[in-house]
Amino acid sequence: MSYSIKVIKKHEQVVTAWVGGVTTQLAIYPESADYSKRNFCWRISSAEIRTVESLFTRLPDYWRLIMVLDGELLLEYEGFHRVRLKPYERESFSGGWVTRSVGKATDFNLMLGAGCRGELEALHLTKGSVQEIAGRTGLNGILQGTEAFYCTRGLIDVRINDRESLCLEEGDLLLVNRESTDSPLNIVLHNRHDEVTALAVRARVLY
């Protein structure tokens, strides 16, 4: 098998306070890395911004991708531009920029170190619907990859390569770590609820 899977349940996730609210670390690579020491290749987190105005922590060696999950957020990059984000809209920017936010919101973050590439995608699963992610997705010079799925609403059944089956509840994170992005991988997500639209964020990292 050319991949491994790991589910990080909501109650297993580490929550820490910062000047603007609280942050939940969902995953970090390598697992032995320490965010405070800035020795990670990539990191996935979700933050609750509880103050109307806040200043983002500067991370000059990282590129950041952010998606609003709840509320609205105005991001102002000193010397560059500003952008307003509504739920499930995404933005990317340098961690070295002086970044101020205006608005109270919950967001989803992907931080990428040197040699990593990544993207975020919102998945909206109406009742009974199925989302399939399949195919070979290798890129020249990049051997490993991680697919992450963060359930933000509802219950989502996941089936991987017709072998593993699991269920994600709200706040759970699924990691599918691939040893080679040249190997086929088929992931099927199904909304198991009959009335509620299930929502998830897909984060893809190549490194």
N, C-alpha and C. Protein backbone atom coordinates (compact mmCIF):
# COMPACT_ATOMS: atom_id res chain seq x y z
N MET A 1 0.85 -1.20 0.00
CA MET A 1 0.00 0.00 0.00
C MET A 1 0.88 1.24 0.00
N SER A 2 0.63 2.17 -0.91
CA SER A 2 1.50 3.34 -1.09
C SER A 2 1.02 4.56 -0.32
N TYR A 3 0.19 4.36 0.69
CA TYR A 3 -0.31 5.48 1.47
C TYR A 3 -0.62 5.02 2.89
N SER A 4 -0.76 5.99 3.79
CA SER A 4 -1.19 5.70 5.16
C SER A 4 -2.27 6.71 5.53
N ILE A 5 -3.12 6.35 6.45
CA ILE A 5 -4.21 7.24 6.86
C ILE A 5 -4.18 7.46 8.37
N LYS A 6 -4.65 8.64 8.76
CA LYS A 6 -4.74 8.96 10.18
C LYS A 6 -5.92 9.91 10.39
N VAL A 7 -6.74 9.61 11.37
CA VAL A 7 -7.85 10.49 11.74
C VAL A 7 -7.53 11.14 13.07
N ILE A 8 -7.56 12.46 13.10
CA ILE A 8 -7.32 13.21 14.33
C ILE A 8 -8.67 13.74 14.79
N LYS A 9 -9.20 13.14 15.84
CA LYS A 9 -10.52 13.51 16.34
C LYS A 9 -10.47 14.88 17.01
N LYS A 10 -11.61 15.52 17.08
CA LYS A 10 -11.68 16.87 17.63
C LYS A 10 -11.13 16.93 19.05
N HIS A 11 -11.43 15.92 19.89
CA HIS A 11 -11.00 15.96 21.28
C HIS A 11 -9.50 15.72 21.44
N GLU A 12 -8.82 15.29 20.37
CA GLU A 12 -7.39 15.03 20.42
C GLU A 12 -6.55 16.25 20.02
N GLN A 13 -7.18 17.27 19.52
CA GLN A 13 -6.46 18.42 18.97
C GLN A 13 -6.04 19.39 20.08
N VAL A 14 -4.90 20.03 19.87
CA VAL A 14 -4.30 20.93 20.86
C VAL A 14 -4.74 22.37 20.59
N VAL A 15 -5.29 23.01 21.61
CA VAL A 15 -5.76 24.40 21.50
C VAL A 15 -4.85 25.30 22.33
N THR A 16 -4.38 26.39 21.72
CA THR A 16 -3.53 27.35 22.43
C THR A 16 -4.07 28.76 22.23
N ALA A 17 -3.77 29.62 23.17
CA ALA A 17 -4.22 31.02 23.09
C ALA A 17 -3.18 31.87 22.38
N TRP A 18 -3.67 32.88 21.65
CA TRP A 18 -2.79 33.90 21.08
C TRP A 18 -3.46 35.24 21.32
N VAL A 19 -2.80 36.33 20.97
CA VAL A 19 -3.27 37.65 21.35
C VAL A 19 -4.65 37.97 20.79
N GLY A 20 -5.02 37.36 19.64
CA GLY A 20 -6.30 37.67 19.03
C GLY A 20 -7.39 36.65 19.27
N GLY A 21 -7.07 35.52 19.94
CA GLY A 21 -8.07 34.49 20.18
C GLY A 21 -7.43 33.17 20.54
N VAL A 22 -7.89 32.09 19.91
CA VAL A 22 -7.33 30.76 20.16
C VAL A 22 -7.06 30.06 18.83
N THR A 23 -6.06 29.19 18.82
CA THR A 23 -5.71 28.42 17.63
C THR A 23 -5.70 26.94 17.96
N THR A 24 -6.28 26.14 17.08
CA THR A 24 -6.26 24.69 17.21
C THR A 24 -5.31 24.12 16.17
N GLN A 25 -4.25 23.48 16.64
CA GLN A 25 -3.34 22.82 15.70
C GLN A 25 -3.97 21.50 15.29
N LEU A 26 -4.22 21.34 13.99
CA LEU A 26 -4.84 20.13 13.48
C LEU A 26 -3.79 19.10 13.06
N ALA A 27 -2.71 19.57 12.43
CA ALA A 27 -1.64 18.65 12.00
C ALA A 27 -0.39 19.46 11.74
N ILE A 28 0.75 18.81 11.94
CA ILE A 28 2.04 19.44 11.67
C ILE A 28 2.97 18.37 11.11
N TYR A 29 3.86 18.78 10.19
CA TYR A 29 4.80 17.83 9.60
C TYR A 29 6.21 18.41 9.62
N PRO A 30 7.19 17.59 10.09
CA PRO A 30 6.99 16.27 10.68
C PRO A 30 6.28 16.35 12.03
N GLU A 31 5.76 15.23 12.50
CA GLU A 31 4.98 15.22 13.74
C GLU A 31 5.81 15.64 14.94
N SER A 32 7.12 15.49 14.85
CA SER A 32 8.01 15.87 15.95
C SER A 32 8.31 17.37 15.96
N ALA A 33 7.84 18.09 14.94
CA ALA A 33 8.14 19.52 14.84
C ALA A 33 7.41 20.31 15.92
N ASP A 34 7.94 21.49 16.21
CA ASP A 34 7.38 22.39 17.22
C ASP A 34 7.10 23.73 16.55
N TYR A 35 5.83 24.11 16.52
CA TYR A 35 5.46 25.37 15.85
C TYR A 35 6.23 26.55 16.40
N SER A 36 6.42 26.60 17.72
CA SER A 36 7.09 27.74 18.35
C SER A 36 8.55 27.84 17.92
N LYS A 37 9.15 26.71 17.49
CA LYS A 37 10.55 26.72 17.05
C LYS A 37 10.68 26.94 15.55
N ARG A 38 9.54 27.00 14.85
CA ARG A 38 9.53 27.24 13.40
C ARG A 38 10.37 26.21 12.65
N ASN A 39 10.28 24.95 13.08
CA ASN A 39 11.06 23.89 12.45
C ASN A 39 10.18 22.90 11.70
N PHE A 40 9.00 23.33 11.28
CA PHE A 40 8.07 22.45 10.58
C PHE A 40 8.12 22.70 9.07
N CYS A 41 7.78 21.67 8.30
CA CYS A 41 7.67 21.81 6.84
C CYS A 41 6.32 22.40 6.46
N TRP A 42 5.26 21.89 7.09
CA TRP A 42 3.93 22.45 6.89
C TRP A 42 3.08 22.25 8.13
N ARG A 43 2.04 23.06 8.23
CA ARG A 43 1.17 23.00 9.40
C ARG A 43 -0.26 23.36 8.99
N ILE A 44 -1.22 22.64 9.56
CA ILE A 44 -2.64 22.91 9.34
C ILE A 44 -3.25 23.28 10.68
N SER A 45 -4.02 24.36 10.70
CA SER A 45 -4.63 24.81 11.94
C SER A 45 -5.95 25.51 11.66
N SER A 46 -6.69 25.76 12.73
CA SER A 46 -7.91 26.55 12.64
C SER A 46 -7.90 27.54 13.80
N ALA A 47 -8.19 28.80 13.50
CA ALA A 47 -8.12 29.84 14.53
C ALA A 47 -9.47 30.52 14.71
N GLU A 48 -9.78 30.85 15.95
CA GLU A 48 -10.91 31.71 16.27
C GLU A 48 -10.37 33.10 16.56
N ILE A 49 -10.72 34.04 15.71
CA ILE A 49 -10.30 35.43 15.91
C ILE A 49 -11.38 36.13 16.71
N ARG A 50 -11.08 36.46 17.97
CA ARG A 50 -12.10 36.95 18.89
C ARG A 50 -12.04 38.46 19.12
N THR A 51 -11.01 39.11 18.61
CA THR A 51 -10.92 40.56 18.72
C THR A 51 -11.21 41.17 17.36
N VAL A 52 -11.81 42.35 17.36
CA VAL A 52 -12.20 42.98 16.10
C VAL A 52 -10.98 43.27 15.24
N GLU A 53 -9.88 43.69 15.85
CA GLU A 53 -8.65 43.95 15.11
C GLU A 53 -7.52 43.13 15.72
N SER A 54 -6.72 42.52 14.87
CA SER A 54 -5.60 41.72 15.36
C SER A 54 -4.44 41.77 14.36
N LEU A 55 -3.27 41.44 14.86
CA LEU A 55 -2.06 41.40 14.04
C LEU A 55 -1.59 39.96 13.95
N PHE A 56 -1.44 39.46 12.73
CA PHE A 56 -1.00 38.08 12.54
C PHE A 56 0.47 37.93 12.93
N THR A 57 0.80 36.77 13.48
CA THR A 57 2.19 36.44 13.78
C THR A 57 2.98 36.39 12.47
N ARG A 58 4.14 37.05 12.46
CA ARG A 58 4.96 37.04 11.24
C ARG A 58 5.72 35.72 11.12
N LEU A 59 5.67 35.15 9.92
CA LEU A 59 6.35 33.89 9.63
C LEU A 59 7.12 34.08 8.31
N PRO A 60 8.26 34.75 8.35
CA PRO A 60 8.96 35.12 7.12
C PRO A 60 9.42 33.96 6.25
N ASP A 61 9.54 32.78 6.81
CA ASP A 61 10.03 31.63 6.03
C ASP A 61 8.89 30.76 5.49
N TYR A 62 7.66 31.23 5.60
CA TYR A 62 6.52 30.41 5.22
C TYR A 62 5.55 31.18 4.32
N TRP A 63 4.88 30.43 3.46
CA TRP A 63 3.77 30.95 2.67
C TRP A 63 2.49 30.47 3.31
N ARG A 64 1.46 31.34 3.35
CA ARG A 64 0.23 31.02 4.08
C ARG A 64 -0.97 31.00 3.15
N LEU A 65 -1.85 30.03 3.39
CA LEU A 65 -3.15 29.97 2.74
C LEU A 65 -4.20 29.99 3.83
N ILE A 66 -5.25 30.77 3.62
CA ILE A 66 -6.27 30.93 4.65
C ILE A 66 -7.65 30.86 4.01
N MET A 67 -8.60 30.26 4.73
CA MET A 67 -9.99 30.20 4.30
C MET A 67 -10.87 30.51 5.49
N VAL A 68 -11.84 31.39 5.31
CA VAL A 68 -12.78 31.73 6.38
C VAL A 68 -13.84 30.64 6.46
N LEU A 69 -14.10 30.15 7.67
CA LEU A 69 -15.14 29.14 7.88
C LEU A 69 -16.42 29.76 8.41
N ASP A 70 -16.29 30.82 9.19
CA ASP A 70 -17.46 31.46 9.78
C ASP A 70 -17.14 32.94 10.02
N GLY A 71 -18.10 33.82 9.74
CA GLY A 71 -17.88 35.25 9.88
C GLY A 71 -17.27 35.84 8.62
N GLU A 72 -16.77 37.07 8.74
CA GLU A 72 -16.09 37.73 7.63
C GLU A 72 -14.79 38.33 8.13
N LEU A 73 -13.82 38.46 7.24
CA LEU A 73 -12.49 38.92 7.63
C LEU A 73 -11.93 39.85 6.57
N LEU A 74 -11.44 40.98 7.01
CA LEU A 74 -10.72 41.89 6.13
C LEU A 74 -9.24 41.76 6.47
N LEU A 75 -8.44 41.39 5.46
CA LEU A 75 -7.00 41.27 5.64
C LEU A 75 -6.32 42.44 4.97
N GLU A 76 -5.44 43.10 5.71
CA GLU A 76 -4.69 44.24 5.19
C GLU A 76 -3.20 43.93 5.25
N TYR A 77 -2.56 43.91 4.09
CA TYR A 77 -1.13 43.63 4.01
C TYR A 77 -0.39 44.96 3.86
N GLU A 78 0.38 45.31 4.87
CA GLU A 78 1.06 46.61 4.87
C GLU A 78 1.98 46.75 3.67
N GLY A 79 1.76 47.79 2.89
CA GLY A 79 2.59 48.03 1.71
C GLY A 79 2.14 47.27 0.47
N PHE A 80 1.07 46.48 0.58
CA PHE A 80 0.61 45.69 -0.55
C PHE A 80 -0.87 46.00 -0.85
N HIS A 81 -1.78 45.18 -0.38
CA HIS A 81 -3.18 45.37 -0.73
C HIS A 81 -4.04 44.88 0.42
N ARG A 82 -5.34 44.89 0.21
CA ARG A 82 -6.27 44.36 1.20
C ARG A 82 -7.30 43.49 0.49
N VAL A 83 -7.89 42.56 1.23
CA VAL A 83 -8.89 41.67 0.67
C VAL A 83 -9.91 41.31 1.74
N ARG A 84 -11.18 41.21 1.34
CA ARG A 84 -12.24 40.83 2.26
C ARG A 84 -12.70 39.41 1.94
N LEU A 85 -12.76 38.58 2.97
CA LEU A 85 -13.13 37.17 2.79
C LEU A 85 -14.44 36.85 3.47
N LYS A 86 -15.32 36.18 2.75
CA LYS A 86 -16.56 35.65 3.30
C LYS A 86 -16.39 34.14 3.48
N PRO A 87 -17.36 33.47 4.13
CA PRO A 87 -17.20 32.04 4.39
C PRO A 87 -16.86 31.22 3.15
N TYR A 88 -15.82 30.43 3.29
CA TYR A 88 -15.30 29.49 2.31
C TYR A 88 -14.63 30.17 1.11
N GLU A 89 -14.30 31.44 1.27
CA GLU A 89 -13.42 32.11 0.33
C GLU A 89 -11.99 32.00 0.85
N ARG A 90 -11.02 31.92 -0.06
CA ARG A 90 -9.64 31.67 0.36
C ARG A 90 -8.70 32.75 -0.18
N GLU A 91 -7.54 32.81 0.47
CA GLU A 91 -6.53 33.80 0.13
C GLU A 91 -5.17 33.20 0.43
N SER A 92 -4.14 33.68 -0.27
CA SER A 92 -2.77 33.24 0.02
C SER A 92 -1.87 34.46 0.10
N PHE A 93 -0.85 34.39 0.96
CA PHE A 93 0.03 35.53 1.18
C PHE A 93 1.31 35.09 1.87
N SER A 94 2.31 35.94 1.82
CA SER A 94 3.58 35.65 2.47
C SER A 94 3.45 35.83 3.98
N GLY A 95 3.98 34.85 4.72
CA GLY A 95 3.98 34.96 6.17
C GLY A 95 4.88 36.07 6.67
N GLY A 96 5.75 36.57 5.80
CA GLY A 96 6.63 37.66 6.19
C GLY A 96 5.99 39.03 6.10
N TRP A 97 4.85 39.14 5.44
CA TRP A 97 4.16 40.43 5.34
C TRP A 97 3.57 40.83 6.69
N VAL A 98 3.53 42.12 6.94
CA VAL A 98 2.81 42.63 8.12
C VAL A 98 1.33 42.57 7.77
N THR A 99 0.61 41.67 8.45
CA THR A 99 -0.79 41.40 8.11
C THR A 99 -1.69 41.72 9.29
N ARG A 100 -2.65 42.59 9.06
CA ARG A 100 -3.66 42.93 10.07
C ARG A 100 -5.01 42.41 9.62
N SER A 101 -5.81 41.97 10.58
CA SER A 101 -7.15 41.49 10.26
C SER A 101 -8.17 42.34 10.99
N VAL A 102 -9.31 42.52 10.34
CA VAL A 102 -10.44 43.24 10.94
C VAL A 102 -11.66 42.34 10.82
N GLY A 103 -12.29 42.07 11.95
CA GLY A 103 -13.47 41.22 11.97
C GLY A 103 -13.27 40.00 12.85
N LYS A 104 -14.36 39.51 13.41
CA LYS A 104 -14.33 38.28 14.20
C LYS A 104 -14.73 37.13 13.30
N ALA A 105 -13.93 36.07 13.32
CA ALA A 105 -14.18 34.96 12.40
C ALA A 105 -13.47 33.70 12.89
N THR A 106 -13.85 32.58 12.28
CA THR A 106 -13.13 31.32 12.43
C THR A 106 -12.52 31.00 11.09
N ASP A 107 -11.24 30.64 11.08
CA ASP A 107 -10.58 30.38 9.80
C ASP A 107 -9.84 29.05 9.80
N PHE A 108 -9.40 28.66 8.62
CA PHE A 108 -8.63 27.45 8.40
C PHE A 108 -7.32 27.87 7.75
N ASN A 109 -6.19 27.37 8.26
CA ASN A 109 -4.89 27.84 7.81
C ASN A 109 -4.00 26.69 7.34
N LEU A 110 -3.29 26.94 6.26
CA LEU A 110 -2.24 26.03 5.79
C LEU A 110 -0.97 26.84 5.65
N MET A 111 0.08 26.44 6.37
CA MET A 111 1.37 27.12 6.32
C MET A 111 2.38 26.21 5.63
N LEU A 112 3.10 26.76 4.65
CA LEU A 112 3.99 25.97 3.81
C LEU A 112 5.42 26.50 3.89
N GLY A 113 6.35 25.62 4.21
CA GLY A 113 7.75 25.99 4.24
C GLY A 113 8.38 25.83 2.87
N ALA A 114 9.67 26.09 2.78
CA ALA A 114 10.40 25.99 1.52
C ALA A 114 10.29 24.58 0.95
N GLY A 115 10.05 24.50 -0.35
CA GLY A 115 9.94 23.21 -1.02
C GLY A 115 8.57 22.59 -0.99
N CYS A 116 7.61 23.24 -0.35
CA CYS A 116 6.25 22.73 -0.27
C CYS A 116 5.32 23.54 -1.17
N ARG A 117 4.35 22.88 -1.73
CA ARG A 117 3.28 23.54 -2.47
C ARG A 117 1.96 23.06 -1.90
N GLY A 118 0.95 23.90 -1.98
CA GLY A 118 -0.33 23.48 -1.42
C GLY A 118 -1.49 24.27 -1.97
N GLU A 119 -2.69 23.79 -1.68
CA GLU A 119 -3.91 24.47 -2.09
C GLU A 119 -5.05 24.10 -1.15
N LEU A 120 -6.06 24.96 -1.12
CA LEU A 120 -7.25 24.74 -0.30
C LEU A 120 -8.47 24.71 -1.21
N GLU A 121 -9.44 23.89 -0.82
CA GLU A 121 -10.68 23.78 -1.59
C GLU A 121 -11.83 23.52 -0.64
N ALA A 122 -12.94 24.22 -0.82
CA ALA A 122 -14.14 23.99 -0.03
C ALA A 122 -14.99 22.93 -0.72
N LEU A 123 -15.47 21.96 0.05
CA LEU A 123 -16.31 20.89 -0.48
C LEU A 123 -17.70 21.01 0.13
N HIS A 124 -18.71 21.20 -0.71
CA HIS A 124 -20.10 21.31 -0.27
C HIS A 124 -20.84 20.06 -0.73
N LEU A 125 -21.26 19.23 0.21
CA LEU A 125 -21.93 17.98 -0.11
C LEU A 125 -23.40 18.07 0.28
N THR A 126 -24.26 18.24 -0.71
CA THR A 126 -25.69 18.27 -0.43
C THR A 126 -26.16 16.87 -0.03
N LYS A 127 -27.38 16.78 0.46
CA LYS A 127 -27.86 15.50 1.00
C LYS A 127 -27.77 14.39 -0.05
N GLY A 128 -27.12 13.31 0.37
CA GLY A 128 -26.98 12.15 -0.49
C GLY A 128 -25.92 12.27 -1.57
N SER A 129 -25.24 13.40 -1.65
CA SER A 129 -24.28 13.59 -2.74
C SER A 129 -22.94 12.93 -2.44
N VAL A 130 -22.17 12.74 -3.53
CA VAL A 130 -20.86 12.08 -3.44
C VAL A 130 -19.82 12.96 -4.12
N GLN A 131 -18.65 13.09 -3.50
CA GLN A 131 -17.52 13.82 -4.09
C GLN A 131 -16.38 12.83 -4.27
N GLU A 132 -15.90 12.68 -5.50
CA GLU A 132 -14.82 11.74 -5.77
C GLU A 132 -13.55 12.49 -6.15
N ILE A 133 -12.46 12.10 -5.51
CA ILE A 133 -11.14 12.68 -5.81
C ILE A 133 -10.26 11.52 -6.25
N ALA A 134 -9.84 11.56 -7.51
CA ALA A 134 -9.16 10.40 -8.07
C ALA A 134 -8.05 10.83 -9.00
N GLY A 135 -7.22 9.84 -9.38
CA GLY A 135 -6.22 10.06 -10.43
C GLY A 135 -4.81 10.13 -9.90
N ARG A 136 -3.87 10.15 -10.82
CA ARG A 136 -2.46 10.32 -10.51
C ARG A 136 -2.16 11.81 -10.56
N THR A 137 -1.53 12.32 -9.53
CA THR A 137 -1.34 13.77 -9.45
C THR A 137 0.12 14.13 -9.19
N GLY A 138 1.03 13.36 -9.68
CA GLY A 138 2.45 13.63 -9.44
C GLY A 138 2.93 14.88 -10.16
N LEU A 139 3.90 15.57 -9.55
CA LEU A 139 4.54 16.72 -10.16
C LEU A 139 6.05 16.48 -10.17
N ASN A 140 6.71 16.95 -11.19
CA ASN A 140 8.15 16.73 -11.32
C ASN A 140 8.90 17.22 -10.08
N GLY A 141 9.74 16.36 -9.54
CA GLY A 141 10.58 16.75 -8.42
C GLY A 141 9.91 16.67 -7.06
N ILE A 142 8.62 16.33 -7.01
CA ILE A 142 7.90 16.24 -5.74
C ILE A 142 7.44 14.79 -5.56
N LEU A 143 7.92 14.14 -4.51
CA LEU A 143 7.69 12.71 -4.35
C LEU A 143 6.58 12.38 -3.36
N GLN A 144 6.38 13.22 -2.37
CA GLN A 144 5.40 12.90 -1.34
C GLN A 144 4.25 13.88 -1.37
N GLY A 145 3.13 13.46 -0.81
CA GLY A 145 1.99 14.35 -0.74
C GLY A 145 1.05 13.96 0.38
N THR A 146 0.29 14.93 0.85
CA THR A 146 -0.72 14.69 1.88
C THR A 146 -2.03 15.29 1.44
N GLU A 147 -3.10 14.50 1.55
CA GLU A 147 -4.46 14.99 1.37
C GLU A 147 -5.08 15.09 2.75
N ALA A 148 -5.62 16.27 3.07
CA ALA A 148 -6.26 16.47 4.36
C ALA A 148 -7.70 16.90 4.16
N PHE A 149 -8.60 16.36 4.98
CA PHE A 149 -10.01 16.70 4.90
C PHE A 149 -10.50 17.06 6.30
N TYR A 150 -11.00 18.28 6.44
CA TYR A 150 -11.45 18.80 7.74
C TYR A 150 -12.96 19.00 7.66
N CYS A 151 -13.69 18.22 8.44
CA CYS A 151 -15.15 18.29 8.43
C CYS A 151 -15.61 19.47 9.29
N THR A 152 -16.33 20.40 8.67
CA THR A 152 -16.80 21.58 9.40
C THR A 152 -18.30 21.53 9.71
N ARG A 153 -19.02 20.64 9.04
CA ARG A 153 -20.45 20.47 9.35
C ARG A 153 -20.94 19.13 8.82
N GLY A 154 -21.79 18.49 9.61
CA GLY A 154 -22.40 17.24 9.18
C GLY A 154 -21.57 16.02 9.48
N LEU A 155 -21.95 14.91 8.82
CA LEU A 155 -21.25 13.64 8.92
C LEU A 155 -20.85 13.20 7.51
N ILE A 156 -19.58 12.86 7.35
CA ILE A 156 -19.07 12.51 6.03
C ILE A 156 -18.45 11.12 6.07
N ASP A 157 -18.99 10.22 5.24
CA ASP A 157 -18.37 8.91 5.07
C ASP A 157 -17.27 9.02 4.03
N VAL A 158 -16.13 8.40 4.31
CA VAL A 158 -14.98 8.43 3.40
C VAL A 158 -14.56 7.00 3.07
N ARG A 159 -14.34 6.76 1.79
CA ARG A 159 -13.82 5.47 1.34
C ARG A 159 -12.58 5.71 0.51
N ILE A 160 -11.50 4.95 0.81
CA ILE A 160 -10.21 5.16 0.16
C ILE A 160 -9.81 3.90 -0.60
N ASN A 161 -9.65 4.06 -1.92
CA ASN A 161 -9.23 2.96 -2.79
C ASN A 161 -10.05 1.68 -2.58
N ASP A 162 -11.33 1.84 -2.21
CA ASP A 162 -12.23 0.69 -1.98
C ASP A 162 -11.68 -0.27 -0.93
N ARG A 163 -10.84 0.26 -0.02
CA ARG A 163 -10.28 -0.58 1.03
C ARG A 163 -10.70 -0.12 2.42
N GLU A 164 -10.40 1.15 2.72
CA GLU A 164 -10.69 1.68 4.05
C GLU A 164 -11.96 2.52 4.03
N SER A 165 -12.77 2.39 5.08
CA SER A 165 -13.97 3.20 5.24
C SER A 165 -13.97 3.81 6.63
N LEU A 166 -14.35 5.07 6.71
CA LEU A 166 -14.40 5.75 8.00
C LEU A 166 -15.41 6.89 7.93
N CYS A 167 -15.73 7.44 9.10
CA CYS A 167 -16.69 8.54 9.18
C CYS A 167 -16.06 9.73 9.88
N LEU A 168 -16.22 10.91 9.28
CA LEU A 168 -15.74 12.15 9.88
C LEU A 168 -16.90 12.90 10.49
N GLU A 169 -16.74 13.29 11.75
CA GLU A 169 -17.71 14.14 12.42
C GLU A 169 -17.18 15.57 12.41
N GLU A 170 -18.04 16.50 12.77
CA GLU A 170 -17.63 17.91 12.78
C GLU A 170 -16.40 18.12 13.67
N GLY A 171 -15.38 18.75 13.10
CA GLY A 171 -14.15 19.02 13.84
C GLY A 171 -13.07 17.97 13.66
N ASP A 172 -13.38 16.85 12.99
CA ASP A 172 -12.38 15.79 12.75
C ASP A 172 -11.54 16.13 11.53
N LEU A 173 -10.29 15.67 11.55
CA LEU A 173 -9.39 15.84 10.41
C LEU A 173 -8.89 14.48 9.95
N LEU A 174 -8.96 14.25 8.64
CA LEU A 174 -8.40 13.04 8.03
C LEU A 174 -7.15 13.40 7.26
N LEU A 175 -6.07 12.66 7.50
CA LEU A 175 -4.84 12.80 6.74
C LEU A 175 -4.59 11.53 5.93
N VAL A 176 -4.37 11.69 4.64
CA VAL A 176 -3.96 10.58 3.78
C VAL A 176 -2.57 10.92 3.27
N ASN A 177 -1.57 10.25 3.78
CA ASN A 177 -0.18 10.53 3.44
C ASN A 177 0.27 9.57 2.35
N ARG A 178 0.76 10.13 1.26
CA ARG A 178 1.16 9.34 0.12
C ARG A 178 2.68 9.25 0.03
N GLU A 179 3.19 8.05 -0.16
CA GLU A 179 4.63 7.87 -0.30
C GLU A 179 5.11 8.32 -1.67
N SER A 180 4.24 8.30 -2.66
CA SER A 180 4.57 8.75 -4.00
C SER A 180 3.33 9.31 -4.65
N THR A 181 3.43 10.51 -5.22
CA THR A 181 2.27 11.10 -5.88
C THR A 181 2.06 10.51 -7.27
N ASP A 182 2.91 9.56 -7.68
CA ASP A 182 2.70 8.85 -8.94
C ASP A 182 1.81 7.63 -8.76
N SER A 183 1.48 7.30 -7.52
CA SER A 183 0.62 6.14 -7.25
C SER A 183 -0.84 6.57 -7.29
N PRO A 184 -1.72 5.72 -7.82
CA PRO A 184 -3.14 6.08 -7.90
C PRO A 184 -3.77 6.16 -6.51
N LEU A 185 -4.68 7.10 -6.36
CA LEU A 185 -5.39 7.26 -5.10
C LEU A 185 -6.81 7.70 -5.41
N ASN A 186 -7.76 6.97 -4.89
CA ASN A 186 -9.17 7.28 -5.11
C ASN A 186 -9.84 7.50 -3.76
N ILE A 187 -10.35 8.69 -3.55
CA ILE A 187 -11.02 9.04 -2.29
C ILE A 187 -12.45 9.46 -2.61
N VAL A 188 -13.41 8.84 -1.96
CA VAL A 188 -14.82 9.15 -2.18
C VAL A 188 -15.43 9.64 -0.87
N LEU A 189 -16.04 10.83 -0.91
CA LEU A 189 -16.70 11.40 0.26
C LEU A 189 -18.20 11.40 0.02
N HIS A 190 -18.96 10.98 1.02
CA HIS A 190 -20.41 10.87 0.89
C HIS A 190 -21.09 11.51 2.09
N ASN A 191 -22.06 12.37 1.84
CA ASN A 191 -22.85 12.98 2.91
C ASN A 191 -23.87 11.96 3.40
N ARG A 192 -23.70 11.49 4.61
CA ARG A 192 -24.57 10.43 5.12
C ARG A 192 -25.85 10.98 5.76
N HIS A 193 -25.96 12.31 5.84
CA HIS A 193 -27.14 12.92 6.45
C HIS A 193 -28.19 13.19 5.38
N ASP A 194 -29.45 12.96 5.71
CA ASP A 194 -30.53 13.11 4.73
C ASP A 194 -31.02 14.54 4.56
N GLU A 195 -30.70 15.43 5.51
CA GLU A 195 -31.29 16.75 5.48
C GLU A 195 -30.27 17.90 5.46
N VAL A 196 -29.09 17.67 5.99
CA VAL A 196 -28.10 18.74 6.17
C VAL A 196 -27.02 18.65 5.10
N THR A 197 -26.65 19.81 4.55
CA THR A 197 -25.49 19.86 3.65
C THR A 197 -24.22 19.73 4.47
N ALA A 198 -23.40 18.77 4.13
CA ALA A 198 -22.12 18.58 4.83
C ALA A 198 -21.07 19.49 4.20
N LEU A 199 -20.19 20.02 5.02
CA LEU A 199 -19.15 20.92 4.55
C LEU A 199 -17.78 20.42 5.03
N ALA A 200 -16.80 20.56 4.17
CA ALA A 200 -15.44 20.17 4.52
C ALA A 200 -14.45 21.05 3.77
N VAL A 201 -13.25 21.12 4.31
CA VAL A 201 -12.15 21.80 3.64
C VAL A 201 -11.13 20.74 3.25
N ARG A 202 -10.73 20.77 1.99
CA ARG A 202 -9.67 19.88 1.51
C ARG A 202 -8.38 20.69 1.40
N ALA A 203 -7.33 20.20 2.05
CA ALA A 203 -6.01 20.81 1.93
C ALA A 203 -5.10 19.78 1.27
N ARG A 204 -4.40 20.21 0.24
CA ARG A 204 -3.48 19.33 -0.48
C ARG A 204 -2.08 19.91 -0.38
N VAL A 205 -1.13 19.05 0.05
CA VAL A 205 0.25 19.50 0.21
C VAL A 205 1.15 18.55 -0.57
N LEU A 206 2.05 19.13 -1.36
CA LEU A 206 3.06 18.36 -2.07
C LEU A 206 4.44 18.82 -1.57
N TYR A 207 5.31 17.85 -1.25
CA TYR A 207 6.60 18.20 -0.67
C TYR A 207 7.64 17.13 -0.95
